[in-house]
Amino acid sequence: MDENKGESCVSNGALLTKFVEAILQGTYAEQLAARQSVRATLGDAAFVDTCATVASFNSVVKIADGTGIPLEDAKETKTMEMRDSLRLNEFRR
């Protein structure tokens, strides 16, 4: 993602990015507002599709993590400090 928050290449990209960020990291109030905004702007069918897409991507990552698929070199380097501070590497043992 870049500073344009996806708007330059995806219709309603800023709206969808705000939704994803709220669902994955936001407070209940932020999630509620994001859901209402997507439904009001895109309609109920697109809202369901959006929720399914977020859930699918989130589950694929968890499946990959659970099976022990190694990180790509670039991701390993970029996340080293974060993984150390959260002690995530201890899960490998």
PDB file of N, CA and C in Angstrom:
ATOM      1  N   MET A   1       0.839  -1.169   0.000  1.00  0.00           N
ATOM      2  CA  MET A   1       0.000   0.000   0.000  1.00  0.00           C
ATOM      3  C   MET A   1       0.883   1.230   0.000  1.00  0.00           C
ATOM      4  N   ASP A   2       0.386   2.283  -0.571  1.00  0.00           N
ATOM      5  CA  ASP A   2       1.146   3.518  -0.620  1.00  0.00           C
ATOM      6  C   ASP A   2       0.331   4.652  -0.028  1.00  0.00           C
ATOM      7  N   GLU A   3       0.860   5.851  -0.139  1.00  0.00           N
ATOM      8  CA  GLU A   3       0.183   6.999   0.448  1.00  0.00           C
ATOM      9  C   GLU A   3      -1.175   7.281  -0.181  1.00  0.00           C
ATOM     10  N   ASN A   4      -1.448   6.729  -1.353  1.00  0.00           N
ATOM     11  CA  ASN A   4      -2.737   6.935  -2.002  1.00  0.00           C
ATOM     12  C   ASN A   4      -3.807   6.009  -1.449  1.00  0.00           C
ATOM     13  N   LYS A   5      -3.421   5.081  -0.584  1.00  0.00           N
ATOM     14  CA  LYS A   5      -4.356   4.151   0.044  1.00  0.00           C
ATOM     15  C   LYS A   5      -5.176   3.383  -0.981  1.00  0.00           C
ATOM     16  N   GLY A   6      -4.589   3.062  -2.128  1.00  0.00           N
ATOM     17  CA  GLY A   6      -5.257   2.239  -3.118  1.00  0.00           C
ATOM     18  C   GLY A   6      -6.210   2.967  -4.024  1.00  0.00           C
ATOM     19  N   GLU A   7      -6.474   4.215  -3.777  1.00  0.00           N
ATOM     20  CA  GLU A   7      -7.478   4.945  -4.557  1.00  0.00           C
ATOM     21  C   GLU A   7      -7.092   5.058  -6.027  1.00  0.00           C
ATOM     22  N   SER A   8      -5.817   5.106  -6.323  1.00  0.00           N
ATOM     23  CA  SER A   8      -5.398   5.309  -7.700  1.00  0.00           C
ATOM     24  C   SER A   8      -5.636   4.093  -8.581  1.00  0.00           C
ATOM     25  N   CYS A   9      -5.742   2.901  -7.983  1.00  0.00           N
ATOM     26  CA  CYS A   9      -5.876   1.703  -8.811  1.00  0.00           C
ATOM     27  C   CYS A   9      -7.133   0.895  -8.525  1.00  0.00           C
ATOM     28  N   VAL A  10      -7.891   1.225  -7.518  1.00  0.00           N
ATOM     29  CA  VAL A  10      -9.081   0.467  -7.167  1.00  0.00           C
ATOM     30  C   VAL A  10     -10.226   1.437  -6.914  1.00  0.00           C
ATOM     31  N   SER A  11     -11.357   1.168  -7.524  1.00  0.00           N
ATOM     32  CA  SER A  11     -12.532   1.996  -7.249  1.00  0.00           C
ATOM     33  C   SER A  11     -12.875   1.914  -5.775  1.00  0.00           C
ATOM     34  N   ASN A  12     -13.132   3.044  -5.168  1.00  0.00           N
ATOM     35  CA  ASN A  12     -13.445   3.120  -3.741  1.00  0.00           C
ATOM     36  C   ASN A  12     -12.314   2.579  -2.870  1.00  0.00           C
ATOM     37  N   GLY A  13     -11.095   2.662  -3.361  1.00  0.00           N
ATOM     38  CA  GLY A  13      -9.950   2.123  -2.654  1.00  0.00           C
ATOM     39  C   GLY A  13      -9.758   2.703  -1.270  1.00  0.00           C
ATOM     40  N   ALA A  14      -9.941   3.992  -1.106  1.00  0.00           N
ATOM     41  CA  ALA A  14      -9.771   4.613   0.208  1.00  0.00           C
ATOM     42  C   ALA A  14     -10.819   4.092   1.188  1.00  0.00           C
ATOM     43  N   LEU A  15     -12.039   3.949   0.720  1.00  0.00           N
ATOM     44  CA  LEU A  15     -13.120   3.413   1.548  1.00  0.00           C
ATOM     45  C   LEU A  15     -12.809   1.980   1.970  1.00  0.00           C
ATOM     46  N   LEU A  16     -12.383   1.158   1.020  1.00  0.00           N
ATOM     47  CA  LEU A  16     -12.079  -0.239   1.305  1.00  0.00           C
ATOM     48  C   LEU A  16     -10.868  -0.377   2.220  1.00  0.00           C
ATOM     49  N   THR A  17      -9.868   0.462   2.019  1.00  0.00           N
ATOM     50  CA  THR A  17      -8.692   0.433   2.886  1.00  0.00           C
ATOM     51  C   THR A  17      -9.072   0.804   4.315  1.00  0.00           C
ATOM     52  N   LYS A  18      -9.896   1.820   4.460  1.00  0.00           N
ATOM     53  CA  LYS A  18     -10.343   2.219   5.795  1.00  0.00           C
ATOM     54  C   LYS A  18     -11.119   1.082   6.451  1.00  0.00           C
ATOM     55  N   PHE A  19     -11.928   0.381   5.680  1.00  0.00           N
ATOM     56  CA  PHE A  19     -12.683  -0.763   6.190  1.00  0.00           C
ATOM     57  C   PHE A  19     -11.739  -1.855   6.693  1.00  0.00           C
ATOM     58  N   VAL A  20     -10.772  -2.236   5.861  1.00  0.00           N
ATOM     59  CA  VAL A  20      -9.834  -3.286   6.244  1.00  0.00           C
ATOM     60  C   VAL A  20      -9.060  -2.891   7.505  1.00  0.00           C
ATOM     61  N   GLU A  21      -8.573  -1.674   7.548  1.00  0.00           N
ATOM     62  CA  GLU A  21      -7.820  -1.218   8.713  1.00  0.00           C
ATOM     63  C   GLU A  21      -8.681  -1.239   9.975  1.00  0.00           C
ATOM     64  N   ALA A  22      -9.942  -0.833   9.837  1.00  0.00           N
ATOM     65  CA  ALA A  22     -10.840  -0.833  10.999  1.00  0.00           C
ATOM     66  C   ALA A  22     -11.127  -2.262  11.463  1.00  0.00           C
ATOM     67  N   ILE A  23     -11.387  -3.154  10.523  1.00  0.00           N
ATOM     68  CA  ILE A  23     -11.706  -4.527  10.895  1.00  0.00           C
ATOM     69  C   ILE A  23     -10.514  -5.216  11.543  1.00  0.00           C
ATOM     70  N   LEU A  24      -9.340  -5.019  11.026  1.00  0.00           N
ATOM     71  CA  LEU A  24      -8.164  -5.718  11.540  1.00  0.00           C
ATOM     72  C   LEU A  24      -7.518  -5.038  12.744  1.00  0.00           C
ATOM     73  N   GLN A  25      -7.695  -3.721  12.884  1.00  0.00           N
ATOM     74  CA  GLN A  25      -6.975  -3.018  13.941  1.00  0.00           C
ATOM     75  C   GLN A  25      -7.820  -2.013  14.720  1.00  0.00           C
ATOM     76  N   GLY A  26      -9.033  -1.781  14.307  1.00  0.00           N
ATOM     77  CA  GLY A  26      -9.811  -0.697  14.887  1.00  0.00           C
ATOM     78  C   GLY A  26     -10.598  -1.070  16.120  1.00  0.00           C
ATOM     79  N   THR A  27     -11.144  -0.051  16.730  1.00  0.00           N
ATOM     80  CA  THR A  27     -12.038  -0.229  17.871  1.00  0.00           C
ATOM     81  C   THR A  27     -13.408  -0.670  17.352  1.00  0.00           C
ATOM     82  N   TYR A  28     -14.254  -1.085  18.260  1.00  0.00           N
ATOM     83  CA  TYR A  28     -15.605  -1.483  17.861  1.00  0.00           C
ATOM     84  C   TYR A  28     -16.316  -0.337  17.141  1.00  0.00           C
ATOM     85  N   ALA A  29     -16.187   0.873  17.663  1.00  0.00           N
ATOM     86  CA  ALA A  29     -16.846   2.031  17.052  1.00  0.00           C
ATOM     87  C   ALA A  29     -16.318   2.284  15.638  1.00  0.00           C
ATOM     88  N   GLU A  30     -15.004   2.147  15.449  1.00  0.00           N
ATOM     89  CA  GLU A  30     -14.421   2.330  14.117  1.00  0.00           C
ATOM     90  C   GLU A  30     -14.897   1.237  13.160  1.00  0.00           C
ATOM     91  N   GLN A  31     -15.000   0.023  13.657  1.00  0.00           N
ATOM     92  CA  GLN A  31     -15.487  -1.080  12.832  1.00  0.00           C
ATOM     93  C   GLN A  31     -16.934  -0.855  12.428  1.00  0.00           C
ATOM     94  N   LEU A  32     -17.749  -0.446  13.369  1.00  0.00           N
ATOM     95  CA  LEU A  32     -19.154  -0.174  13.080  1.00  0.00           C
ATOM     96  C   LEU A  32     -19.299   0.919  12.025  1.00  0.00           C
ATOM     97  N   ALA A  33     -18.560   2.000  12.192  1.00  0.00           N
ATOM     98  CA  ALA A  33     -18.611   3.106  11.231  1.00  0.00           C
ATOM     99  C   ALA A  33     -18.142   2.659   9.851  1.00  0.00           C
ATOM    100  N   ALA A  34     -17.097   1.868   9.799  1.00  0.00           N
ATOM    101  CA  ALA A  34     -16.577   1.386   8.513  1.00  0.00           C
ATOM    102  C   ALA A  34     -17.586   0.469   7.832  1.00  0.00           C
ATOM    103  N   ARG A  35     -18.221  -0.425   8.599  1.00  0.00           N
ATOM    104  CA  ARG A  35     -19.242  -1.304   8.014  1.00  0.00           C
ATOM    105  C   ARG A  35     -20.401  -0.487   7.454  1.00  0.00           C
ATOM    106  N   GLN A  36     -20.856   0.475   8.224  1.00  0.00           N
ATOM    107  CA  GLN A  36     -21.968   1.313   7.767  1.00  0.00           C
ATOM    108  C   GLN A  36     -21.594   2.090   6.510  1.00  0.00           C
ATOM    109  N   SER A  37     -20.377   2.577   6.456  1.00  0.00           N
ATOM    110  CA  SER A  37     -19.921   3.355   5.313  1.00  0.00           C
ATOM    111  C   SER A  37     -19.851   2.499   4.044  1.00  0.00           C
ATOM    112  N   VAL A  38     -19.311   1.286   4.170  1.00  0.00           N
ATOM    113  CA  VAL A  38     -19.239   0.399   2.999  1.00  0.00           C
ATOM    114  C   VAL A  38     -20.640   0.034   2.532  1.00  0.00           C
ATOM    115  N   ARG A  39     -21.516  -0.305   3.450  1.00  0.00           N
ATOM    116  CA  ARG A  39     -22.893  -0.672   3.062  1.00  0.00           C
ATOM    117  C   ARG A  39     -23.615   0.499   2.398  1.00  0.00           C
ATOM    118  N   ALA A  40     -23.451   1.695   2.951  1.00  0.00           N
ATOM    119  CA  ALA A  40     -24.136   2.866   2.403  1.00  0.00           C
ATOM    120  C   ALA A  40     -23.595   3.237   1.027  1.00  0.00           C
ATOM    121  N   THR A  41     -22.296   3.070   0.830  1.00  0.00           N
ATOM    122  CA  THR A  41     -21.670   3.474  -0.427  1.00  0.00           C
ATOM    123  C   THR A  41     -21.782   2.406  -1.510  1.00  0.00           C
ATOM    124  N   LEU A  42     -21.562   1.161  -1.139  1.00  0.00           N
ATOM    125  CA  LEU A  42     -21.480   0.085  -2.139  1.00  0.00           C
ATOM    126  C   LEU A  42     -22.681  -0.849  -2.170  1.00  0.00           C
ATOM    127  N   GLY A  43     -23.479  -0.833  -1.126  1.00  0.00           N
ATOM    128  CA  GLY A  43     -24.652  -1.705  -1.069  1.00  0.00           C
ATOM    129  C   GLY A  43     -24.365  -2.992  -0.314  1.00  0.00           C
ATOM    130  N   ASP A  44     -25.449  -3.700  -0.008  1.00  0.00           N
ATOM    131  CA  ASP A  44     -25.345  -4.900   0.818  1.00  0.00           C
ATOM    132  C   ASP A  44     -24.546  -6.024   0.162  1.00  0.00           C
ATOM    133  N   ALA A  45     -24.759  -6.263  -1.114  1.00  0.00           N
ATOM    134  CA  ALA A  45     -24.059  -7.364  -1.798  1.00  0.00           C
ATOM    135  C   ALA A  45     -22.545  -7.125  -1.815  1.00  0.00           C
ATOM    136  N   ALA A  46     -22.140  -5.895  -2.119  1.00  0.00           N
ATOM    137  CA  ALA A  46     -20.709  -5.582  -2.136  1.00  0.00           C
ATOM    138  C   ALA A  46     -20.132  -5.620  -0.725  1.00  0.00           C
ATOM    139  N   PHE A  47     -20.944  -5.256   0.269  1.00  0.00           N
ATOM    140  CA  PHE A  47     -20.495  -5.350   1.658  1.00  0.00           C
ATOM    141  C   PHE A  47     -20.175  -6.800   2.018  1.00  0.00           C
ATOM    142  N   VAL A  48     -21.049  -7.713   1.655  1.00  0.00           N
ATOM    143  CA  VAL A  48     -20.816  -9.138   1.943  1.00  0.00           C
ATOM    144  C   VAL A  48     -19.574  -9.622   1.200  1.00  0.00           C
ATOM    145  N   ASP A  49     -19.428  -9.231  -0.061  1.00  0.00           N
ATOM    146  CA  ASP A  49     -18.232  -9.617  -0.824  1.00  0.00           C
ATOM    147  C   ASP A  49     -16.960  -9.074  -0.175  1.00  0.00           C
ATOM    148  N   THR A  50     -17.023  -7.837   0.304  1.00  0.00           N
ATOM    149  CA  THR A  50     -15.871  -7.217   0.952  1.00  0.00           C
ATOM    150  C   THR A  50     -15.502  -7.969   2.226  1.00  0.00           C
ATOM    151  N   CYS A  51     -16.492  -8.297   3.028  1.00  0.00           N
ATOM    152  CA  CYS A  51     -16.241  -9.058   4.260  1.00  0.00           C
ATOM    153  C   CYS A  51     -15.639 -10.425   3.943  1.00  0.00           C
ATOM    154  N   ALA A  52     -16.161 -11.085   2.924  1.00  0.00           N
ATOM    155  CA  ALA A  52     -15.649 -12.399   2.538  1.00  0.00           C
ATOM    156  C   ALA A  52     -14.202 -12.303   2.058  1.00  0.00           C
ATOM    157  N   THR A  53     -13.884 -11.259   1.339  1.00  0.00           N
ATOM    158  CA  THR A  53     -12.517 -11.074   0.845  1.00  0.00           C
ATOM    159  C   THR A  53     -11.548 -10.848   1.995  1.00  0.00           C
ATOM    160  N   VAL A  54     -11.917  -9.990   2.937  1.00  0.00           N
ATOM    161  CA  VAL A  54     -11.061  -9.737   4.096  1.00  0.00           C
ATOM    162  C   VAL A  54     -10.867 -11.030   4.888  1.00  0.00           C
ATOM    163  N   ALA A  55     -11.936 -11.754   5.114  1.00  0.00           N
ATOM    164  CA  ALA A  55     -11.852 -13.005   5.872  1.00  0.00           C
ATOM    165  C   ALA A  55     -10.975 -14.018   5.154  1.00  0.00           C
ATOM    166  N   SER A  56     -11.106 -14.096   3.838  1.00  0.00           N
ATOM    167  CA  SER A  56     -10.322 -15.054   3.062  1.00  0.00           C
ATOM    168  C   SER A  56      -8.833 -14.748   3.144  1.00  0.00           C
ATOM    169  N   PHE A  57      -8.469 -13.499   2.918  1.00  0.00           N
ATOM    170  CA  PHE A  57      -7.048 -13.137   2.986  1.00  0.00           C
ATOM    171  C   PHE A  57      -6.497 -13.354   4.389  1.00  0.00           C
ATOM    172  N   ASN A  58      -7.288 -13.013   5.394  1.00  0.00           N
ATOM    173  CA  ASN A  58      -6.851 -13.190   6.772  1.00  0.00           C
ATOM    174  C   ASN A  58      -6.650 -14.674   7.078  1.00  0.00           C
ATOM    175  N   SER A  59      -7.540 -15.525   6.611  1.00  0.00           N
ATOM    176  CA  SER A  59      -7.406 -16.955   6.898  1.00  0.00           C
ATOM    177  C   SER A  59      -6.247 -17.583   6.134  1.00  0.00           C
ATOM    178  N   VAL A  60      -6.004 -17.144   4.901  1.00  0.00           N
ATOM    179  CA  VAL A  60      -4.887 -17.695   4.128  1.00  0.00           C
ATOM    180  C   VAL A  60      -3.566 -17.430   4.842  1.00  0.00           C
ATOM    181  N   VAL A  61      -3.410 -16.250   5.385  1.00  0.00           N
ATOM    182  CA  VAL A  61      -2.191 -15.923   6.117  1.00  0.00           C
ATOM    183  C   VAL A  61      -2.067 -16.818   7.349  1.00  0.00           C
ATOM    184  N   LYS A  62      -3.147 -17.010   8.070  1.00  0.00           N
ATOM    185  CA  LYS A  62      -3.106 -17.846   9.272  1.00  0.00           C
ATOM    186  C   LYS A  62      -2.804 -19.305   8.917  1.00  0.00           C
ATOM    187  N   ILE A  63      -3.338 -19.787   7.815  1.00  0.00           N
ATOM    188  CA  ILE A  63      -3.042 -21.148   7.368  1.00  0.00           C
ATOM    189  C   ILE A  63      -1.564 -21.273   7.025  1.00  0.00           C
ATOM    190  N   ALA A  64      -1.044 -20.307   6.291  1.00  0.00           N
ATOM    191  CA  ALA A  64       0.380 -20.332   5.929  1.00  0.00           C
ATOM    192  C   ALA A  64       1.251 -20.304   7.179  1.00  0.00           C
ATOM    193  N   ASP A  65       0.900 -19.445   8.115  1.00  0.00           N
ATOM    194  CA  ASP A  65       1.668 -19.365   9.359  1.00  0.00           C
ATOM    195  C   ASP A  65       1.589 -20.680  10.133  1.00  0.00           C
ATOM    196  N   GLY A  66       0.409 -21.247  10.194  1.00  0.00           N
ATOM    197  CA  GLY A  66       0.208 -22.475  10.947  1.00  0.00           C
ATOM    198  C   GLY A  66       0.943 -23.675  10.373  1.00  0.00           C
ATOM    199  N   THR A  67       1.112 -23.692   9.063  1.00  0.00           N
ATOM    200  CA  THR A  67       1.797 -24.817   8.440  1.00  0.00           C
ATOM    201  C   THR A  67       3.307 -24.663   8.469  1.00  0.00           C
ATOM    202  N   GLY A  68       3.770 -23.494   8.881  1.00  0.00           N
ATOM    203  CA  GLY A  68       5.208 -23.285   8.995  1.00  0.00           C
ATOM    204  C   GLY A  68       5.878 -22.852   7.710  1.00  0.00           C
ATOM    205  N   ILE A  69       5.106 -22.360   6.767  1.00  0.00           N
ATOM    206  CA  ILE A  69       5.702 -21.849   5.537  1.00  0.00           C
ATOM    207  C   ILE A  69       6.634 -20.703   5.909  1.00  0.00           C
ATOM    208  N   PRO A  70       7.880 -20.736   5.483  1.00  0.00           N
ATOM    209  CA  PRO A  70       8.828 -19.692   5.893  1.00  0.00           C
ATOM    210  C   PRO A  70       8.521 -18.343   5.245  1.00  0.00           C
ATOM    211  N   LEU A  71       8.933 -17.294   5.950  1.00  0.00           N
ATOM    212  CA  LEU A  71       8.813 -15.948   5.399  1.00  0.00           C
ATOM    213  C   LEU A  71       9.760 -15.774   4.217  1.00  0.00           C
ATOM    214  N   GLU A  72       9.348 -14.947   3.277  1.00  0.00           N
ATOM    215  CA  GLU A  72      10.247 -14.560   2.214  1.00  0.00           C
ATOM    216  C   GLU A  72      11.368 -13.720   2.821  1.00  0.00           C
ATOM    217  N   ASP A  73      12.527 -13.719   2.209  1.00  0.00           N
ATOM    218  CA  ASP A  73      13.688 -13.002   2.748  1.00  0.00           C
ATOM    219  C   ASP A  73      13.376 -11.538   3.043  1.00  0.00           C
ATOM    220  N   ALA A  74      12.701 -10.866   2.115  1.00  0.00           N
ATOM    221  CA  ALA A  74      12.402  -9.441   2.302  1.00  0.00           C
ATOM    222  C   ALA A  74      11.505  -9.230   3.516  1.00  0.00           C
ATOM    223  N   LYS A  75      10.499 -10.079   3.687  1.00  0.00           N
ATOM    224  CA  LYS A  75       9.603  -9.947   4.837  1.00  0.00           C
ATOM    225  C   LYS A  75      10.318 -10.298   6.133  1.00  0.00           C
ATOM    226  N   GLU A  76      11.203 -11.254   6.075  1.00  0.00           N
ATOM    227  CA  GLU A  76      11.929 -11.634   7.281  1.00  0.00           C
ATOM    228  C   GLU A  76      12.784 -10.477   7.779  1.00  0.00           C
ATOM    229  N   THR A  77      13.453  -9.805   6.839  1.00  0.00           N
ATOM    230  CA  THR A  77      14.305  -8.672   7.193  1.00  0.00           C
ATOM    231  C   THR A  77      13.461  -7.511   7.730  1.00  0.00           C
ATOM    232  N   LYS A  78      12.365  -7.188   7.047  1.00  0.00           N
ATOM    233  CA  LYS A  78      11.547  -6.038   7.438  1.00  0.00           C
ATOM    234  C   LYS A  78      10.835  -6.246   8.772  1.00  0.00           C
ATOM    235  N   THR A  79      10.572  -7.485   9.146  1.00  0.00           N
ATOM    236  CA  THR A  79       9.805  -7.741  10.367  1.00  0.00           C
ATOM    237  C   THR A  79      10.662  -8.224  11.536  1.00  0.00           C
ATOM    238  N   MET A  80      11.973  -8.233  11.373  1.00  0.00           N
ATOM    239  CA  MET A  80      12.863  -8.788  12.396  1.00  0.00           C
ATOM    240  C   MET A  80      12.662  -8.137  13.767  1.00  0.00           C
ATOM    241  N   GLU A  81      12.702  -6.813  13.827  1.00  0.00           N
ATOM    242  CA  GLU A  81      12.567  -6.116  15.110  1.00  0.00           C
ATOM    243  C   GLU A  81      11.208  -6.369  15.739  1.00  0.00           C
ATOM    244  N   MET A  82      10.165  -6.322  14.919  1.00  0.00           N
ATOM    245  CA  MET A  82       8.819  -6.548  15.429  1.00  0.00           C
ATOM    246  C   MET A  82       8.694  -7.968  15.985  1.00  0.00           C
ATOM    247  N   ARG A  83       9.190  -8.946  15.250  1.00  0.00           N
ATOM    248  CA  ARG A  83       9.111 -10.332  15.704  1.00  0.00           C
ATOM    249  C   ARG A  83       9.901 -10.540  16.985  1.00  0.00           C
ATOM    250  N   ASP A  84      11.050  -9.878  17.094  1.00  0.00           N
ATOM    251  CA  ASP A  84      11.842  -9.977  18.318  1.00  0.00           C
ATOM    252  C   ASP A  84      11.099  -9.359  19.504  1.00  0.00           C
ATOM    253  N   SER A  85      10.546  -8.174  19.313  1.00  0.00           N
ATOM    254  CA  SER A  85       9.872  -7.489  20.421  1.00  0.00           C
ATOM    255  C   SER A  85       8.621  -8.241  20.878  1.00  0.00           C
ATOM    256  N   LEU A  86       7.958  -8.918  19.955  1.00  0.00           N
ATOM    257  CA  LEU A  86       6.764  -9.695  20.301  1.00  0.00           C
ATOM    258  C   LEU A  86       7.083 -11.144  20.661  1.00  0.00           C
ATOM    259  N   ARG A  87       8.362 -11.502  20.539  1.00  0.00           N
ATOM    260  CA  ARG A  87       8.844 -12.845  20.827  1.00  0.00           C
ATOM    261  C   ARG A  87       8.155 -13.907  19.963  1.00  0.00           C
ATOM    262  N   LEU A  88       7.844 -13.531  18.729  1.00  0.00           N
ATOM    263  CA  LEU A  88       7.152 -14.445  17.814  1.00  0.00           C
ATOM    264  C   LEU A  88       8.023 -15.611  17.391  1.00  0.00           C
ATOM    265  N   ASN A  89       9.315 -15.410  17.320  1.00  0.00           N
ATOM    266  CA  ASN A  89      10.200 -16.499  16.897  1.00  0.00           C
ATOM    267  C   ASN A  89      10.197 -17.655  17.893  1.00  0.00           C
ATOM    268  N   GLU A  90       9.770 -17.407  19.114  1.00  0.00           N
ATOM    269  CA  GLU A  90       9.713 -18.477  20.094  1.00  0.00           C
ATOM    270  C   GLU A  90       8.677 -19.533  19.746  1.00  0.00           C
ATOM    271  N   PHE A  91       7.712 -19.207  18.901  1.00  0.00           N
ATOM    272  CA  PHE A  91       6.679 -20.158  18.512  1.00  0.00           C
ATOM    273  C   PHE A  91       7.225 -21.293  17.656  1.00  0.00           C
ATOM    274  N   ARG A  92       8.392 -21.109  17.100  1.00  0.00           N
ATOM    275  CA  ARG A  92       8.992 -22.144  16.265  1.00  0.00           C
ATOM    276  C   ARG A  92       9.497 -23.312  17.104  1.00  0.00           C
ATOM    277  N   ARG A  93       9.686 -23.124  18.379  1.00  0.00           N
ATOM    278  CA  ARG A  93      10.267 -24.152  19.240  1.00  0.00           C
ATOM    279  C   ARG A  93       9.218 -25.063  19.807  1.00  0.00           C
TER     280      ARG A  93
END
